[in-house]
Amino acid sequence: MTDRISDVVTRAGDTGETGLADESRISKGSSRINAIGDIDELNSVIGVVMSETVFKDIYTDLIPIQNELFSVGAELAGAAPESFFLDEKHVERIERHIRSVNDGLSPLKEFILPGGSRCAALLHLARSVCRRAERSVVVLSGEDEISPVLIKYLNRLSDFLFVYARLANQLANRPDIYWEK
């Protein structure tokens, strides 16, 4: 493997612009860079979840998610679409995980608050960052052509993170915290 990034300090962004995969320059305040940043933040929060969780199944199921989110960021940056685009099979895999986990959880009768165990709270944090990333990608899709699969993927991923937060509470023998109206 060759070095992909050999010089971290380039000073190329000192004017408020950054480079895309096609070597074009774009404002760091653009919708595209906001979306890429939100995806990066989501991936980082998932990394925190993975560093904190003691539940092997949760950890194992998050590994492909991190790789896919890196691909989403690369796609949004305009890198080699043929090698990065997610497709319906990624969405379907997440849906299978959601159904499988949700089938083992007690039915919800009320809204729940983020919390319970530390792992569940971190998964809820990841879910809320995922929703923000989804909104950023939707905004970008109004300005540029974006694969509709990306929006669908992020929508499902937030559901995935929600049911996994509930699973984390179940595995920790902690109850979900119900919203008291």
N, C-alpha and C. Protein backbone atom coordinates (compact mmCIF):
# COMPACT_ATOMS: atom_id res chain seq x y z
N MET A 1 0.86 -1.18 0.00
CA MET A 1 0.00 0.00 0.00
C MET A 1 0.90 1.24 0.00
N THR A 2 0.63 2.14 -0.90
CA THR A 2 1.41 3.37 -0.96
C THR A 2 0.84 4.39 0.02
N ASP A 3 1.67 5.37 0.36
CA ASP A 3 1.20 6.44 1.23
C ASP A 3 0.15 7.27 0.51
N ARG A 4 -1.02 7.42 1.13
CA ARG A 4 -2.09 8.22 0.54
C ARG A 4 -1.99 9.67 1.00
N ILE A 5 -1.59 9.85 2.24
CA ILE A 5 -1.46 11.20 2.79
C ILE A 5 -0.09 11.26 3.44
N SER A 6 0.82 11.97 2.82
CA SER A 6 2.17 12.02 3.38
C SER A 6 2.43 13.33 4.11
N ASP A 7 1.70 14.38 3.77
CA ASP A 7 1.91 15.68 4.41
C ASP A 7 0.57 16.17 4.95
N VAL A 8 0.40 16.13 6.25
CA VAL A 8 -0.87 16.52 6.86
C VAL A 8 -1.04 18.05 6.84
N VAL A 9 0.03 18.79 7.09
CA VAL A 9 -0.04 20.25 7.09
C VAL A 9 0.27 20.74 5.68
N THR A 10 -0.81 21.13 4.95
CA THR A 10 -0.61 21.58 3.57
C THR A 10 -0.81 23.08 3.41
N ARG A 11 -1.52 23.69 4.33
CA ARG A 11 -1.89 25.11 4.29
C ARG A 11 -2.86 25.43 3.14
N ALA A 12 -3.30 24.42 2.41
CA ALA A 12 -4.18 24.64 1.27
C ALA A 12 -5.56 25.13 1.70
N GLY A 13 -5.95 24.89 2.94
CA GLY A 13 -7.27 25.30 3.41
C GLY A 13 -7.27 26.61 4.17
N ASP A 14 -6.15 27.28 4.20
CA ASP A 14 -6.03 28.51 4.98
C ASP A 14 -6.90 29.65 4.47
N THR A 15 -7.41 29.56 3.27
CA THR A 15 -8.25 30.63 2.71
C THR A 15 -9.73 30.32 2.84
N GLY A 16 -10.07 29.23 3.55
CA GLY A 16 -11.48 28.88 3.73
C GLY A 16 -12.03 27.98 2.64
N GLU A 17 -11.15 27.42 1.84
CA GLU A 17 -11.56 26.47 0.81
C GLU A 17 -10.89 25.13 1.08
N THR A 18 -11.46 24.09 0.50
CA THR A 18 -10.89 22.75 0.61
C THR A 18 -10.99 22.08 -0.75
N GLY A 19 -10.25 21.03 -0.92
CA GLY A 19 -10.24 20.32 -2.19
C GLY A 19 -11.18 19.13 -2.19
N LEU A 20 -11.78 18.89 -3.35
CA LEU A 20 -12.60 17.70 -3.55
C LEU A 20 -11.78 16.64 -4.27
N ALA A 21 -12.35 15.47 -4.43
CA ALA A 21 -11.63 14.35 -5.04
C ALA A 21 -11.20 14.66 -6.48
N ASP A 22 -11.97 15.50 -7.18
CA ASP A 22 -11.61 15.84 -8.57
C ASP A 22 -10.60 16.99 -8.63
N GLU A 23 -10.06 17.36 -7.47
CA GLU A 23 -9.06 18.42 -7.30
C GLU A 23 -9.63 19.84 -7.46
N SER A 24 -10.96 19.96 -7.58
CA SER A 24 -11.57 21.30 -7.59
C SER A 24 -11.57 21.84 -6.16
N ARG A 25 -11.72 23.14 -6.02
CA ARG A 25 -11.73 23.80 -4.71
C ARG A 25 -13.16 24.25 -4.43
N ILE A 26 -13.54 24.21 -3.14
CA ILE A 26 -14.89 24.56 -2.73
C ILE A 26 -14.83 25.20 -1.35
N SER A 27 -15.76 26.09 -1.06
CA SER A 27 -15.81 26.75 0.24
C SER A 27 -16.07 25.73 1.35
N LYS A 28 -15.37 25.91 2.46
CA LYS A 28 -15.60 25.05 3.62
C LYS A 28 -16.98 25.27 4.23
N GLY A 29 -17.65 26.35 3.84
CA GLY A 29 -18.99 26.64 4.32
C GLY A 29 -20.09 26.13 3.40
N SER A 30 -19.74 25.41 2.36
CA SER A 30 -20.74 24.94 1.39
C SER A 30 -21.58 23.80 1.96
N SER A 31 -22.72 23.59 1.35
CA SER A 31 -23.60 22.49 1.76
C SER A 31 -22.90 21.14 1.60
N ARG A 32 -22.10 21.00 0.56
CA ARG A 32 -21.40 19.73 0.33
C ARG A 32 -20.41 19.45 1.48
N ILE A 33 -19.65 20.44 1.86
CA ILE A 33 -18.67 20.23 2.93
C ILE A 33 -19.38 20.05 4.27
N ASN A 34 -20.50 20.74 4.49
CA ASN A 34 -21.28 20.51 5.71
C ASN A 34 -21.76 19.07 5.78
N ALA A 35 -22.25 18.54 4.66
CA ALA A 35 -22.73 17.15 4.62
C ALA A 35 -21.57 16.19 4.88
N ILE A 36 -20.44 16.42 4.23
CA ILE A 36 -19.27 15.57 4.44
C ILE A 36 -18.84 15.62 5.91
N GLY A 37 -18.85 16.82 6.50
CA GLY A 37 -18.47 16.97 7.90
C GLY A 37 -19.42 16.25 8.84
N ASP A 38 -20.71 16.32 8.56
CA ASP A 38 -21.69 15.63 9.40
C ASP A 38 -21.51 14.11 9.32
N ILE A 39 -21.21 13.60 8.13
CA ILE A 39 -20.96 12.16 7.96
C ILE A 39 -19.70 11.78 8.74
N ASP A 40 -18.67 12.62 8.66
CA ASP A 40 -17.42 12.37 9.40
C ASP A 40 -17.68 12.37 10.90
N GLU A 41 -18.47 13.33 11.38
CA GLU A 41 -18.80 13.38 12.81
C GLU A 41 -19.57 12.13 13.23
N LEU A 42 -20.51 11.71 12.42
CA LEU A 42 -21.27 10.49 12.72
C LEU A 42 -20.33 9.30 12.83
N ASN A 43 -19.41 9.18 11.89
CA ASN A 43 -18.46 8.07 11.94
C ASN A 43 -17.61 8.14 13.20
N SER A 44 -17.24 9.34 13.60
CA SER A 44 -16.45 9.51 14.83
C SER A 44 -17.24 9.11 16.07
N VAL A 45 -18.50 9.50 16.12
CA VAL A 45 -19.34 9.13 17.27
C VAL A 45 -19.51 7.61 17.32
N ILE A 46 -19.68 6.99 16.17
CA ILE A 46 -19.78 5.53 16.15
C ILE A 46 -18.47 4.91 16.64
N GLY A 47 -17.34 5.53 16.30
CA GLY A 47 -16.06 5.07 16.83
C GLY A 47 -16.01 5.14 18.34
N VAL A 48 -16.59 6.19 18.92
CA VAL A 48 -16.66 6.30 20.38
C VAL A 48 -17.53 5.17 20.94
N VAL A 49 -18.67 4.92 20.30
CA VAL A 49 -19.54 3.82 20.74
C VAL A 49 -18.74 2.52 20.75
N MET A 50 -18.01 2.28 19.67
CA MET A 50 -17.25 1.03 19.55
C MET A 50 -16.14 0.93 20.59
N SER A 51 -15.57 2.06 20.98
CA SER A 51 -14.51 2.02 22.00
C SER A 51 -15.09 1.80 23.40
N GLU A 52 -16.36 2.07 23.57
CA GLU A 52 -17.01 1.97 24.87
C GLU A 52 -17.79 0.67 25.07
N THR A 53 -18.28 0.08 23.99
CA THR A 53 -19.20 -1.05 24.16
C THR A 53 -18.46 -2.32 24.56
N VAL A 54 -19.12 -3.09 25.39
CA VAL A 54 -18.60 -4.40 25.76
C VAL A 54 -19.42 -5.50 25.07
N PHE A 55 -20.34 -5.09 24.23
CA PHE A 55 -21.23 -6.03 23.58
C PHE A 55 -20.71 -6.36 22.18
N LYS A 56 -20.19 -7.57 22.02
CA LYS A 56 -19.53 -7.98 20.78
C LYS A 56 -20.43 -7.83 19.56
N ASP A 57 -21.70 -8.22 19.67
CA ASP A 57 -22.61 -8.15 18.52
C ASP A 57 -22.79 -6.71 18.05
N ILE A 58 -22.91 -5.79 18.97
CA ILE A 58 -23.06 -4.38 18.60
C ILE A 58 -21.78 -3.90 17.92
N TYR A 59 -20.65 -4.20 18.52
CA TYR A 59 -19.36 -3.80 17.96
C TYR A 59 -19.20 -4.35 16.54
N THR A 60 -19.44 -5.64 16.39
CA THR A 60 -19.26 -6.31 15.10
C THR A 60 -20.18 -5.72 14.03
N ASP A 61 -21.40 -5.40 14.40
CA ASP A 61 -22.35 -4.86 13.42
C ASP A 61 -22.05 -3.42 13.04
N LEU A 62 -21.27 -2.72 13.86
CA LEU A 62 -20.92 -1.33 13.55
C LEU A 62 -19.70 -1.22 12.62
N ILE A 63 -18.88 -2.24 12.53
CA ILE A 63 -17.68 -2.19 11.68
C ILE A 63 -18.04 -1.89 10.22
N PRO A 64 -18.97 -2.63 9.60
CA PRO A 64 -19.29 -2.30 8.20
C PRO A 64 -19.93 -0.92 8.06
N ILE A 65 -20.65 -0.48 9.09
CA ILE A 65 -21.27 0.84 9.05
C ILE A 65 -20.19 1.90 8.93
N GLN A 66 -19.13 1.79 9.72
CA GLN A 66 -18.05 2.78 9.65
C GLN A 66 -17.43 2.81 8.26
N ASN A 67 -17.19 1.65 7.68
CA ASN A 67 -16.62 1.61 6.33
C ASN A 67 -17.57 2.22 5.31
N GLU A 68 -18.85 1.93 5.44
CA GLU A 68 -19.84 2.49 4.51
C GLU A 68 -19.94 4.00 4.65
N LEU A 69 -19.87 4.50 5.88
CA LEU A 69 -19.91 5.95 6.07
C LEU A 69 -18.69 6.62 5.45
N PHE A 70 -17.56 5.97 5.50
CA PHE A 70 -16.38 6.52 4.83
C PHE A 70 -16.63 6.58 3.33
N SER A 71 -17.29 5.55 2.79
CA SER A 71 -17.64 5.54 1.37
C SER A 71 -18.64 6.65 1.04
N VAL A 72 -19.59 6.90 1.93
CA VAL A 72 -20.55 7.99 1.73
C VAL A 72 -19.79 9.32 1.64
N GLY A 73 -18.86 9.55 2.57
CA GLY A 73 -18.07 10.77 2.53
C GLY A 73 -17.28 10.89 1.24
N ALA A 74 -16.69 9.79 0.81
CA ALA A 74 -15.93 9.79 -0.44
C ALA A 74 -16.85 10.08 -1.63
N GLU A 75 -18.03 9.49 -1.61
CA GLU A 75 -18.99 9.75 -2.70
C GLU A 75 -19.38 11.22 -2.72
N LEU A 76 -19.65 11.78 -1.56
CA LEU A 76 -20.03 13.20 -1.50
C LEU A 76 -18.88 14.10 -1.94
N ALA A 77 -17.65 13.63 -1.78
CA ALA A 77 -16.48 14.40 -2.20
C ALA A 77 -16.18 14.21 -3.69
N GLY A 78 -16.96 13.33 -4.34
CA GLY A 78 -16.80 13.13 -5.78
C GLY A 78 -15.75 12.12 -6.17
N ALA A 79 -15.42 11.20 -5.28
CA ALA A 79 -14.40 10.20 -5.58
C ALA A 79 -15.00 9.02 -6.34
N ALA A 80 -14.31 8.56 -7.33
CA ALA A 80 -14.60 7.36 -8.13
C ALA A 80 -15.94 6.69 -7.83
N PRO A 81 -17.01 7.19 -8.40
CA PRO A 81 -18.35 6.66 -8.08
C PRO A 81 -18.49 5.15 -8.24
N GLU A 82 -17.84 4.59 -9.24
CA GLU A 82 -18.01 3.15 -9.47
C GLU A 82 -17.48 2.32 -8.31
N SER A 83 -16.60 2.86 -7.50
CA SER A 83 -16.05 2.07 -6.40
C SER A 83 -16.60 2.47 -5.03
N PHE A 84 -17.42 3.51 -4.96
CA PHE A 84 -17.87 3.97 -3.65
C PHE A 84 -19.38 3.98 -3.45
N PHE A 85 -20.16 4.05 -4.48
CA PHE A 85 -21.60 4.19 -4.31
C PHE A 85 -22.20 3.03 -3.54
N LEU A 86 -23.00 3.37 -2.55
CA LEU A 86 -23.79 2.36 -1.85
C LEU A 86 -25.00 2.04 -2.72
N ASP A 87 -25.54 0.85 -2.53
CA ASP A 87 -26.74 0.50 -3.29
C ASP A 87 -27.79 -0.09 -2.35
N GLU A 88 -28.86 -0.55 -2.95
CA GLU A 88 -30.00 -1.05 -2.16
C GLU A 88 -29.61 -2.22 -1.25
N LYS A 89 -28.62 -3.00 -1.63
CA LYS A 89 -28.24 -4.15 -0.78
C LYS A 89 -27.73 -3.67 0.58
N HIS A 90 -27.11 -2.50 0.63
CA HIS A 90 -26.65 -1.95 1.91
C HIS A 90 -27.84 -1.55 2.78
N VAL A 91 -28.83 -0.95 2.16
CA VAL A 91 -30.06 -0.55 2.87
C VAL A 91 -30.78 -1.80 3.36
N GLU A 92 -30.88 -2.81 2.50
CA GLU A 92 -31.57 -4.05 2.87
C GLU A 92 -30.87 -4.77 4.02
N ARG A 93 -29.53 -4.75 4.05
CA ARG A 93 -28.80 -5.37 5.15
C ARG A 93 -29.14 -4.68 6.47
N ILE A 94 -29.16 -3.36 6.45
CA ILE A 94 -29.51 -2.62 7.66
C ILE A 94 -30.94 -2.94 8.09
N GLU A 95 -31.86 -3.03 7.13
CA GLU A 95 -33.25 -3.37 7.46
C GLU A 95 -33.33 -4.75 8.10
N ARG A 96 -32.55 -5.71 7.60
CA ARG A 96 -32.54 -7.06 8.21
C ARG A 96 -32.05 -6.99 9.65
N HIS A 97 -31.01 -6.22 9.90
CA HIS A 97 -30.50 -6.07 11.27
C HIS A 97 -31.57 -5.43 12.16
N ILE A 98 -32.23 -4.41 11.65
CA ILE A 98 -33.28 -3.73 12.43
C ILE A 98 -34.37 -4.73 12.82
N ARG A 99 -34.86 -5.48 11.84
CA ARG A 99 -35.93 -6.46 12.11
C ARG A 99 -35.47 -7.51 13.11
N SER A 100 -34.26 -8.02 12.91
CA SER A 100 -33.75 -9.07 13.79
C SER A 100 -33.63 -8.59 15.23
N VAL A 101 -33.05 -7.41 15.42
CA VAL A 101 -32.88 -6.88 16.78
C VAL A 101 -34.23 -6.49 17.38
N ASN A 102 -35.05 -5.81 16.59
CA ASN A 102 -36.33 -5.33 17.11
C ASN A 102 -37.25 -6.48 17.52
N ASP A 103 -37.15 -7.62 16.82
CA ASP A 103 -37.99 -8.78 17.17
C ASP A 103 -37.69 -9.28 18.59
N GLY A 104 -36.48 -9.03 19.09
CA GLY A 104 -36.11 -9.48 20.43
C GLY A 104 -36.34 -8.45 21.52
N LEU A 105 -36.89 -7.30 21.14
CA LEU A 105 -37.13 -6.23 22.11
C LEU A 105 -38.61 -6.18 22.49
N SER A 106 -38.88 -5.67 23.68
CA SER A 106 -40.28 -5.50 24.07
C SER A 106 -40.91 -4.40 23.21
N PRO A 107 -42.19 -4.55 22.90
CA PRO A 107 -42.85 -3.53 22.08
C PRO A 107 -42.85 -2.17 22.78
N LEU A 108 -42.70 -1.13 21.98
CA LEU A 108 -42.75 0.23 22.53
C LEU A 108 -44.18 0.71 22.59
N LYS A 109 -44.56 1.27 23.73
CA LYS A 109 -45.89 1.83 23.88
C LYS A 109 -45.83 3.33 24.10
N GLU A 110 -44.64 3.82 24.39
CA GLU A 110 -44.41 5.24 24.64
C GLU A 110 -43.09 5.63 23.98
N PHE A 111 -42.88 6.93 23.82
CA PHE A 111 -41.59 7.41 23.36
C PHE A 111 -40.56 7.19 24.47
N ILE A 112 -39.31 6.95 24.08
CA ILE A 112 -38.28 6.78 25.08
C ILE A 112 -37.28 7.94 24.97
N LEU A 113 -36.66 8.22 26.10
CA LEU A 113 -35.63 9.26 26.17
C LEU A 113 -34.27 8.62 25.95
N PRO A 114 -33.33 9.37 25.38
CA PRO A 114 -31.98 8.83 25.23
C PRO A 114 -31.38 8.55 26.61
N GLY A 115 -30.79 7.40 26.77
CA GLY A 115 -30.16 7.09 28.04
C GLY A 115 -30.28 5.64 28.41
N GLY A 116 -30.16 5.39 29.70
CA GLY A 116 -30.12 4.03 30.21
C GLY A 116 -28.67 3.70 30.48
N SER A 117 -28.12 2.78 29.73
CA SER A 117 -26.71 2.43 29.86
C SER A 117 -25.85 3.43 29.09
N ARG A 118 -24.56 3.47 29.37
CA ARG A 118 -23.65 4.36 28.65
C ARG A 118 -23.64 4.04 27.16
N CYS A 119 -23.59 2.77 26.82
CA CYS A 119 -23.58 2.37 25.42
C CYS A 119 -24.86 2.83 24.72
N ALA A 120 -26.00 2.66 25.37
CA ALA A 120 -27.27 3.10 24.78
C ALA A 120 -27.29 4.60 24.59
N ALA A 121 -26.81 5.34 25.58
CA ALA A 121 -26.79 6.79 25.47
C ALA A 121 -25.90 7.23 24.30
N LEU A 122 -24.77 6.58 24.12
CA LEU A 122 -23.88 6.91 23.01
C LEU A 122 -24.51 6.54 21.67
N LEU A 123 -25.23 5.44 21.62
CA LEU A 123 -25.94 5.07 20.39
C LEU A 123 -27.04 6.07 20.07
N HIS A 124 -27.71 6.59 21.10
CA HIS A 124 -28.71 7.64 20.86
C HIS A 124 -28.03 8.91 20.35
N LEU A 125 -26.86 9.23 20.87
CA LEU A 125 -26.11 10.38 20.36
C LEU A 125 -25.77 10.16 18.89
N ALA A 126 -25.30 8.97 18.55
CA ALA A 126 -25.00 8.65 17.15
C ALA A 126 -26.25 8.78 16.29
N ARG A 127 -27.39 8.34 16.82
CA ARG A 127 -28.65 8.45 16.08
C ARG A 127 -28.99 9.90 15.78
N SER A 128 -28.82 10.77 16.75
CA SER A 128 -29.18 12.18 16.52
C SER A 128 -28.19 12.83 15.56
N VAL A 129 -26.92 12.47 15.62
CA VAL A 129 -25.94 12.98 14.64
C VAL A 129 -26.28 12.44 13.25
N CYS A 130 -26.74 11.20 13.19
CA CYS A 130 -27.15 10.61 11.91
C CYS A 130 -28.31 11.37 11.31
N ARG A 131 -29.27 11.75 12.12
CA ARG A 131 -30.41 12.54 11.62
C ARG A 131 -29.93 13.88 11.07
N ARG A 132 -28.97 14.51 11.73
CA ARG A 132 -28.43 15.77 11.23
C ARG A 132 -27.71 15.55 9.90
N ALA A 133 -26.93 14.48 9.82
CA ALA A 133 -26.23 14.17 8.57
C ALA A 133 -27.23 13.93 7.45
N GLU A 134 -28.30 13.24 7.76
CA GLU A 134 -29.35 13.01 6.76
C GLU A 134 -29.93 14.34 6.28
N ARG A 135 -30.22 15.25 7.22
CA ARG A 135 -30.76 16.56 6.82
C ARG A 135 -29.77 17.32 5.94
N SER A 136 -28.48 17.24 6.26
CA SER A 136 -27.46 17.91 5.46
C SER A 136 -27.41 17.34 4.04
N VAL A 137 -27.51 16.04 3.93
CA VAL A 137 -27.49 15.41 2.60
C VAL A 137 -28.75 15.78 1.83
N VAL A 138 -29.89 15.88 2.51
CA VAL A 138 -31.13 16.30 1.84
C VAL A 138 -30.97 17.73 1.31
N VAL A 139 -30.41 18.62 2.12
CA VAL A 139 -30.16 20.00 1.66
C VAL A 139 -29.27 19.98 0.43
N LEU A 140 -28.20 19.21 0.48
CA LEU A 140 -27.28 19.11 -0.66
C LEU A 140 -27.99 18.56 -1.89
N SER A 141 -28.90 17.62 -1.69
CA SER A 141 -29.61 17.02 -2.83
C SER A 141 -30.50 18.04 -3.54
N GLY A 142 -30.87 19.12 -2.85
CA GLY A 142 -31.64 20.18 -3.49
C GLY A 142 -30.76 21.08 -4.35
N GLU A 143 -29.46 20.98 -4.19
CA GLU A 143 -28.52 21.81 -4.93
C GLU A 143 -27.77 21.04 -6.01
N ASP A 144 -27.45 19.78 -5.72
CA ASP A 144 -26.69 18.92 -6.63
C ASP A 144 -27.34 17.55 -6.68
N GLU A 145 -27.02 16.81 -7.71
CA GLU A 145 -27.54 15.46 -7.82
C GLU A 145 -26.82 14.54 -6.84
N ILE A 146 -27.60 13.92 -5.99
CA ILE A 146 -27.10 12.99 -4.98
C ILE A 146 -27.86 11.68 -5.15
N SER A 147 -27.17 10.59 -4.99
CA SER A 147 -27.83 9.29 -5.07
C SER A 147 -28.94 9.22 -4.02
N PRO A 148 -30.17 8.89 -4.43
CA PRO A 148 -31.26 8.77 -3.45
C PRO A 148 -31.01 7.65 -2.44
N VAL A 149 -30.13 6.73 -2.78
CA VAL A 149 -29.80 5.65 -1.85
C VAL A 149 -29.11 6.21 -0.61
N LEU A 150 -28.33 7.28 -0.77
CA LEU A 150 -27.64 7.85 0.39
C LEU A 150 -28.63 8.35 1.43
N ILE A 151 -29.68 9.01 0.98
CA ILE A 151 -30.69 9.51 1.92
C ILE A 151 -31.41 8.35 2.58
N LYS A 152 -31.78 7.35 1.79
CA LYS A 152 -32.45 6.17 2.33
C LYS A 152 -31.55 5.44 3.32
N TYR A 153 -30.28 5.31 2.98
CA TYR A 153 -29.32 4.63 3.85
C TYR A 153 -29.23 5.34 5.20
N LEU A 154 -29.08 6.66 5.18
CA LEU A 154 -28.98 7.42 6.43
C LEU A 154 -30.27 7.34 7.24
N ASN A 155 -31.40 7.33 6.56
CA ASN A 155 -32.68 7.21 7.26
C ASN A 155 -32.76 5.86 7.98
N ARG A 156 -32.39 4.79 7.29
CA ARG A 156 -32.41 3.47 7.92
C ARG A 156 -31.37 3.38 9.02
N LEU A 157 -30.21 4.00 8.80
CA LEU A 157 -29.15 3.92 9.80
C LEU A 157 -29.59 4.55 11.12
N SER A 158 -30.35 5.63 11.06
CA SER A 158 -30.82 6.21 12.32
C SER A 158 -31.78 5.25 13.04
N ASP A 159 -32.61 4.53 12.28
CA ASP A 159 -33.48 3.52 12.89
C ASP A 159 -32.65 2.38 13.49
N PHE A 160 -31.62 1.96 12.77
CA PHE A 160 -30.68 0.94 13.23
C PHE A 160 -30.08 1.35 14.58
N LEU A 161 -29.58 2.58 14.64
CA LEU A 161 -28.95 3.07 15.87
C LEU A 161 -29.96 3.14 17.02
N PHE A 162 -31.21 3.46 16.71
CA PHE A 162 -32.26 3.49 17.74
C PHE A 162 -32.49 2.10 18.33
N VAL A 163 -32.69 1.10 17.46
CA VAL A 163 -32.96 -0.24 18.00
C VAL A 163 -31.73 -0.82 18.67
N TYR A 164 -30.55 -0.46 18.20
CA TYR A 164 -29.34 -0.94 18.86
C TYR A 164 -29.16 -0.27 20.23
N ALA A 165 -29.60 0.96 20.38
CA ALA A 165 -29.59 1.61 21.70
C ALA A 165 -30.50 0.84 22.66
N ARG A 166 -31.65 0.45 22.15
CA ARG A 166 -32.56 -0.34 22.99
C ARG A 166 -31.95 -1.70 23.32
N LEU A 167 -31.27 -2.31 22.33
CA LEU A 167 -30.59 -3.59 22.56
C LEU A 167 -29.50 -3.42 23.62
N ALA A 168 -28.75 -2.34 23.54
CA ALA A 168 -27.69 -2.10 24.53
C ALA A 168 -28.26 -2.03 25.94
N ASN A 169 -29.40 -1.37 26.08
CA ASN A 169 -30.04 -1.33 27.40
C ASN A 169 -30.47 -2.72 27.84
N GLN A 170 -31.03 -3.49 26.92
CA GLN A 170 -31.47 -4.84 27.26
C GLN A 170 -30.28 -5.70 27.69
N LEU A 171 -29.18 -5.62 26.94
CA LEU A 171 -28.00 -6.42 27.27
C LEU A 171 -27.38 -5.99 28.60
N ALA A 172 -27.53 -4.71 28.94
CA ALA A 172 -26.99 -4.19 30.21
C ALA A 172 -27.99 -4.34 31.36
N ASN A 173 -29.12 -4.96 31.07
CA ASN A 173 -30.19 -5.09 32.07
C ASN A 173 -30.62 -3.74 32.62
N ARG A 174 -30.71 -2.77 31.72
CA ARG A 174 -31.16 -1.42 32.07
C ARG A 174 -32.45 -1.16 31.31
N PRO A 175 -33.45 -0.62 31.95
CA PRO A 175 -34.69 -0.32 31.24
C PRO A 175 -34.55 0.91 30.35
N ASP A 176 -35.33 0.94 29.27
CA ASP A 176 -35.45 2.17 28.51
C ASP A 176 -36.12 3.21 29.41
N ILE A 177 -35.83 4.47 29.18
CA ILE A 177 -36.39 5.54 29.99
C ILE A 177 -37.55 6.14 29.20
N TYR A 178 -38.76 6.02 29.75
CA TYR A 178 -39.94 6.49 29.04
C TYR A 178 -40.19 7.98 29.27
N TRP A 179 -40.65 8.61 28.23
CA TRP A 179 -41.02 10.04 28.28
C TRP A 179 -42.25 10.17 29.17
N GLU A 180 -42.17 11.04 30.16
CA GLU A 180 -43.31 11.30 31.02
C GLU A 180 -43.96 12.60 30.56
N LYS A 181 -45.16 12.47 30.03
CA LYS A 181 -45.86 13.65 29.50
C LYS A 181 -46.48 14.46 30.60
